[in-house]
Amino acid sequence: MTRPHVLVLQHVPWERPAVLGEVLTATGIDWTLDTIVERRELPPAREITGFDGLVLLGGPMGALDVEEHPGLGLEAQLVRDAAVLGIPVFGVCLGHQLIATALGATLHSAAAHEVGVGDVELLTESELGMRGERLPVLHWHGDVVDAPYGATVLASSPSTPNQAFRIEDRVFTTQFHLEVDPPMLDRWLAEPLMLRDLPFIAGTAEDAADRLRSEVAAVAGPMREAGERLFGAFADAVLRRTSVDPSLR
């Protein structure tokens, strides 16, 4: 019997699944990392019917920038195909926006600038925590997206009403980055494009990077715990789908 297999779509080299990938591996799920953002046609080997789950990671482009990055349209179609087939999907940041817009939601470009550590308010009980609690997370976005029809919004902040949503046990998304671990944060901070986003209070770019490292380290525990719970729920959904119909394996 083959193991469940998830397709993880990357948009830039420094965005990787990190903690999410660790959870998938620990639960017995294989995953393939690929980049189709610049493609105009989907290779047959990447049709969604060949996978048991789909993950869309973050990136600096806009979810609707299909003229500049034609593969974003392919990703949106993969999301819609997965929705029709009941294949679980997880999105992070840009992935959150791609999933929402693919399912009919409206994108608001440059409606917020949240970069750094900040809290989100939990709107309902979920793997993220209890309703009314505040969860510290790593933000890194400017665009904001509405929730698609049928979604339950899990978390919010003043400038971003839809910080995370879920559709039953099929779709899971976060605008924020629970997948980030210290090595991935260091990789981000080595990128000039990412450094330019940091809020400068005083000092050099490296001073700003060091402040962010310290802020993330201070909340790394609750961030990772919440991430492992939510990523675990996605992994469970993948496993449930393949166990209900063994032919999918």
Protein backbone atom coordinates (compact mmCIF):
# COMPACT_ATOMS: atom_id res chain seq x y z
CA MET A 1 0.00 0.00 0.00
CA THR A 2 1.46 3.36 -1.02
CA ARG A 3 1.66 6.29 1.37
CA PRO A 4 -0.53 9.38 0.92
CA HIS A 5 1.17 12.07 -1.16
CA VAL A 6 0.73 15.85 -0.99
CA LEU A 7 1.78 18.39 -3.62
CA VAL A 8 3.40 21.50 -2.08
CA LEU A 9 3.59 24.50 -4.43
CA GLN A 10 6.40 26.97 -3.88
CA HIS A 11 6.50 30.49 -5.35
CA VAL A 12 10.01 31.66 -4.40
CA PRO A 13 13.04 29.61 -3.26
CA TRP A 14 13.05 30.95 0.30
CA GLU A 15 9.47 29.88 1.05
CA ARG A 16 9.41 26.26 2.21
CA PRO A 17 6.91 24.19 4.23
CA ALA A 18 9.24 23.91 7.26
CA VAL A 19 7.06 22.96 10.27
CA LEU A 20 4.16 22.01 7.99
CA GLY A 21 6.43 19.62 6.10
CA GLU A 22 7.67 18.14 9.37
CA VAL A 23 4.10 17.43 10.47
CA LEU A 24 3.22 15.78 7.16
CA THR A 25 6.29 13.55 7.33
CA ALA A 26 5.68 12.65 10.98
CA THR A 27 2.14 11.51 10.18
CA GLY A 28 3.24 9.22 7.36
CA ILE A 29 2.48 11.52 4.43
CA ASP A 30 4.97 12.00 1.59
CA TRP A 31 5.17 15.38 -0.10
CA THR A 32 6.63 16.81 -3.29
CA LEU A 33 7.85 20.42 -3.49
CA ASP A 34 7.40 22.02 -6.91
CA THR A 35 7.17 25.43 -8.60
CA ILE A 36 4.66 26.06 -11.38
CA VAL A 37 4.18 29.81 -10.87
CA GLU A 38 5.83 30.73 -14.20
CA ARG A 39 4.35 27.86 -16.25
CA ARG A 40 1.64 28.30 -18.85
CA GLU A 41 0.65 24.64 -18.95
CA LEU A 42 0.39 22.12 -16.14
CA PRO A 43 2.60 19.03 -16.58
CA PRO A 44 0.49 15.85 -16.54
CA ALA A 45 2.47 14.62 -13.51
CA ARG A 46 1.09 17.56 -11.52
CA GLU A 47 -2.61 16.99 -12.12
CA ILE A 48 -4.41 17.09 -8.78
CA THR A 49 -5.80 13.59 -9.30
CA GLY A 50 -2.29 12.27 -8.70
CA PHE A 51 -2.20 13.63 -5.13
CA ASP A 52 -4.08 13.26 -1.86
CA GLY A 53 -3.61 16.86 -0.74
CA LEU A 54 -2.48 20.28 -1.97
CA VAL A 55 -0.46 22.99 -0.17
CA LEU A 56 0.10 26.51 -1.52
CA LEU A 57 2.92 28.44 0.16
CA GLY A 58 3.59 32.18 0.34
CA GLY A 59 5.31 34.57 -2.04
CA PRO A 60 5.74 38.28 -2.84
CA MET A 61 3.42 38.40 -5.86
CA GLY A 62 -0.29 39.15 -5.78
CA ALA A 63 -2.79 36.32 -6.03
CA LEU A 64 -4.30 37.84 -9.19
CA ASP A 65 -1.01 38.70 -10.95
CA VAL A 66 -1.66 36.09 -13.62
CA GLU A 67 -0.26 38.14 -16.53
CA GLU A 68 3.14 38.39 -14.84
CA HIS A 69 2.98 34.91 -13.30
CA PRO A 70 0.71 32.72 -15.46
CA GLY A 71 1.12 29.67 -13.23
CA LEU A 72 -1.03 31.37 -10.59
CA GLY A 73 -3.98 30.65 -12.86
CA LEU A 74 -2.96 26.98 -12.96
CA GLU A 75 -2.80 26.94 -9.16
CA ALA A 76 -6.27 28.44 -8.91
CA GLN A 77 -7.58 25.70 -11.18
CA LEU A 78 -5.88 23.05 -9.04
CA VAL A 79 -7.68 24.51 -6.01
CA ARG A 80 -11.04 24.36 -7.78
CA ASP A 81 -10.36 20.82 -8.99
CA ALA A 82 -9.41 19.77 -5.45
CA ALA A 83 -12.62 21.32 -4.12
CA VAL A 84 -14.72 19.34 -6.59
CA LEU A 85 -12.92 16.09 -5.76
CA GLY A 86 -12.85 16.63 -1.99
CA ILE A 87 -9.04 16.71 -1.85
CA PRO A 88 -7.81 18.62 1.24
CA VAL A 89 -6.04 21.94 0.60
CA PHE A 90 -3.88 24.14 2.85
CA GLY A 91 -2.79 27.70 2.03
CA VAL A 92 -0.32 30.06 3.70
CA CYS A 93 -0.22 33.85 3.07
CA LEU A 94 -0.26 34.08 -0.75
CA GLY A 95 -1.65 30.54 -0.69
CA HIS A 96 -4.46 31.74 1.61
CA GLN A 97 -5.29 34.47 -0.91
CA LEU A 98 -5.02 32.16 -3.93
CA ILE A 99 -7.44 29.67 -2.40
CA ALA A 100 -9.92 32.36 -1.37
CA THR A 101 -9.94 34.07 -4.77
CA ALA A 102 -10.09 30.72 -6.63
CA LEU A 103 -13.27 30.01 -4.66
CA GLY A 104 -14.83 33.36 -5.49
CA ALA A 105 -13.63 35.78 -2.78
CA THR A 106 -12.50 39.37 -3.39
CA LEU A 107 -8.84 40.45 -3.03
CA HIS A 108 -8.03 43.92 -1.64
CA SER A 109 -4.57 44.87 -2.87
CA ALA A 110 -2.29 46.73 -0.44
CA ALA A 111 -5.12 47.08 2.08
CA ALA A 112 -2.83 46.37 5.05
CA HIS A 113 0.85 46.27 5.90
CA GLU A 114 1.42 43.68 8.60
CA VAL A 115 5.05 42.62 8.84
CA GLY A 116 6.48 41.25 12.06
CA VAL A 117 5.10 39.64 15.17
CA GLY A 118 1.57 40.55 16.19
CA ASP A 119 -1.56 39.02 17.68
CA VAL A 120 -4.65 37.70 15.97
CA GLU A 121 -7.95 37.32 17.77
CA LEU A 122 -9.50 33.87 17.57
CA LEU A 123 -13.14 34.13 16.51
CA THR A 124 -14.19 30.55 17.11
CA GLU A 125 -12.85 27.44 18.78
CA SER A 126 -10.45 25.60 16.49
CA GLU A 127 -7.02 24.00 16.48
CA LEU A 128 -5.63 27.52 16.83
CA GLY A 129 -7.17 27.87 20.30
CA MET A 130 -10.31 29.01 22.09
CA ARG A 131 -12.65 31.76 20.99
CA GLY A 132 -11.57 35.15 22.35
CA GLU A 133 -7.95 34.16 22.85
CA ARG A 134 -5.16 36.12 21.22
CA LEU A 135 -2.49 34.15 19.37
CA PRO A 136 0.93 35.65 18.59
CA VAL A 137 1.92 35.01 14.97
CA LEU A 138 4.37 36.12 12.31
CA HIS A 139 2.74 38.43 9.75
CA TRP A 140 4.23 39.25 6.35
CA HIS A 141 1.64 40.60 3.92
CA GLY A 142 0.10 43.68 2.30
CA ASP A 143 -2.91 42.28 0.45
CA VAL A 144 -6.10 41.23 2.23
CA VAL A 145 -8.73 38.79 1.01
CA ASP A 146 -12.35 38.19 1.96
CA ALA A 147 -13.44 34.71 2.99
CA PRO A 148 -15.13 32.63 0.27
CA TYR A 149 -18.70 31.44 0.50
CA GLY A 150 -19.17 28.68 3.06
CA ALA A 151 -15.96 29.43 4.96
CA THR A 152 -15.65 29.88 8.71
CA VAL A 153 -13.24 32.68 9.60
CA LEU A 154 -11.04 31.48 12.45
CA ALA A 155 -8.97 34.56 13.27
CA SER A 156 -8.88 38.30 12.69
CA SER A 157 -6.85 41.44 13.25
CA PRO A 158 -7.92 45.11 12.97
CA SER A 159 -6.54 45.57 9.45
CA THR A 160 -7.15 42.01 8.23
CA PRO A 161 -10.60 40.68 9.12
CA ASN A 162 -9.89 37.30 7.47
CA GLN A 163 -6.63 36.06 9.01
CA ALA A 164 -7.50 32.36 8.72
CA PHE A 165 -10.42 30.35 7.45
CA ARG A 166 -11.60 26.81 7.14
CA ILE A 167 -14.18 25.02 5.03
CA GLU A 168 -15.21 21.86 6.87
CA ASP A 169 -12.30 19.39 6.82
CA ARG A 170 -11.35 20.16 3.23
CA VAL A 171 -9.80 23.64 3.18
CA PHE A 172 -7.47 25.21 5.75
CA THR A 173 -5.70 28.57 5.36
CA THR A 174 -3.75 31.16 7.33
CA GLN A 175 -2.73 34.64 6.25
CA PHE A 176 0.05 34.45 8.84
CA HIS A 177 3.06 32.14 9.02
CA LEU A 178 2.90 29.35 11.61
CA GLU A 179 5.14 27.20 9.42
CA VAL A 180 8.20 29.36 10.00
CA ASP A 181 11.04 27.95 12.09
CA PRO A 182 14.35 29.72 12.91
CA PRO A 183 16.26 28.33 9.87
CA MET A 184 13.52 29.49 7.51
CA LEU A 185 13.34 32.91 9.15
CA ASP A 186 17.11 33.25 8.67
CA ARG A 187 16.67 32.31 5.02
CA TRP A 188 14.01 35.01 4.62
CA LEU A 189 16.20 37.60 6.28
CA ALA A 190 19.02 36.83 3.86
CA GLU A 191 16.82 38.03 1.01
CA PRO A 192 17.02 41.77 0.15
CA LEU A 193 13.41 41.67 -1.07
CA MET A 194 12.26 40.49 2.34
CA LEU A 195 14.49 42.88 4.28
CA ARG A 196 12.92 45.84 2.48
CA ASP A 197 9.57 44.94 4.05
CA LEU A 198 10.82 45.21 7.63
CA PRO A 199 9.68 48.19 9.72
CA PHE A 200 12.72 50.34 10.48
CA ILE A 201 12.73 52.03 13.86
CA ALA A 202 16.41 52.90 14.01
CA GLY A 203 19.73 51.43 12.95
CA THR A 204 20.60 49.20 10.03
CA ALA A 205 18.69 46.54 8.13
CA GLU A 206 20.56 43.93 10.15
CA ASP A 207 19.41 45.63 13.37
CA ALA A 208 15.81 45.30 12.15
CA ALA A 209 16.43 41.65 11.26
CA ASP A 210 17.89 40.97 14.70
CA ARG A 211 14.86 42.58 16.37
CA LEU A 212 12.56 40.34 14.36
CA ARG A 213 14.58 37.24 15.26
CA SER A 214 14.23 38.13 18.94
CA GLU A 215 10.49 38.82 18.61
CA VAL A 216 9.88 35.51 16.85
CA ALA A 217 12.02 33.62 19.39
CA ALA A 218 9.89 35.07 22.20
CA VAL A 219 6.67 33.59 20.75
CA ALA A 220 8.11 30.52 19.02
CA GLY A 221 6.51 28.11 21.51
CA PRO A 222 2.83 29.07 21.11
CA MET A 223 3.31 29.63 17.37
CA ARG A 224 4.70 26.15 16.83
CA GLU A 225 2.08 24.51 19.05
CA ALA A 226 -0.76 26.16 17.16
CA GLY A 227 0.88 25.36 13.84
CA GLU A 228 1.35 21.70 14.70
CA ARG A 229 -2.32 21.43 15.70
CA LEU A 230 -3.63 23.07 12.53
CA PHE A 231 -1.20 21.29 10.21
CA GLY A 232 -2.11 18.09 12.02
CA ALA A 233 -5.79 18.69 11.24
CA PHE A 234 -4.90 19.01 7.55
CA ALA A 235 -2.78 15.85 7.72
CA ASP A 236 -5.67 14.01 9.40
CA ALA A 237 -7.99 15.13 6.59
CA VAL A 238 -5.56 13.71 4.01
CA LEU A 239 -5.32 10.43 5.91
CA ARG A 240 -9.09 10.18 6.35
CA ARG A 241 -9.69 10.64 2.64
CA THR A 242 -7.26 7.89 1.68
CA SER A 243 -8.55 5.50 4.37
CA VAL A 244 -12.20 5.93 3.29
CA ASP A 245 -11.30 4.89 -0.26
CA PRO A 246 -8.22 2.62 -0.27
CA SER A 247 -8.09 2.81 -4.07
CA LEU A 248 -6.85 6.40 -3.67
CA ARG A 249 -3.63 4.98 -2.28
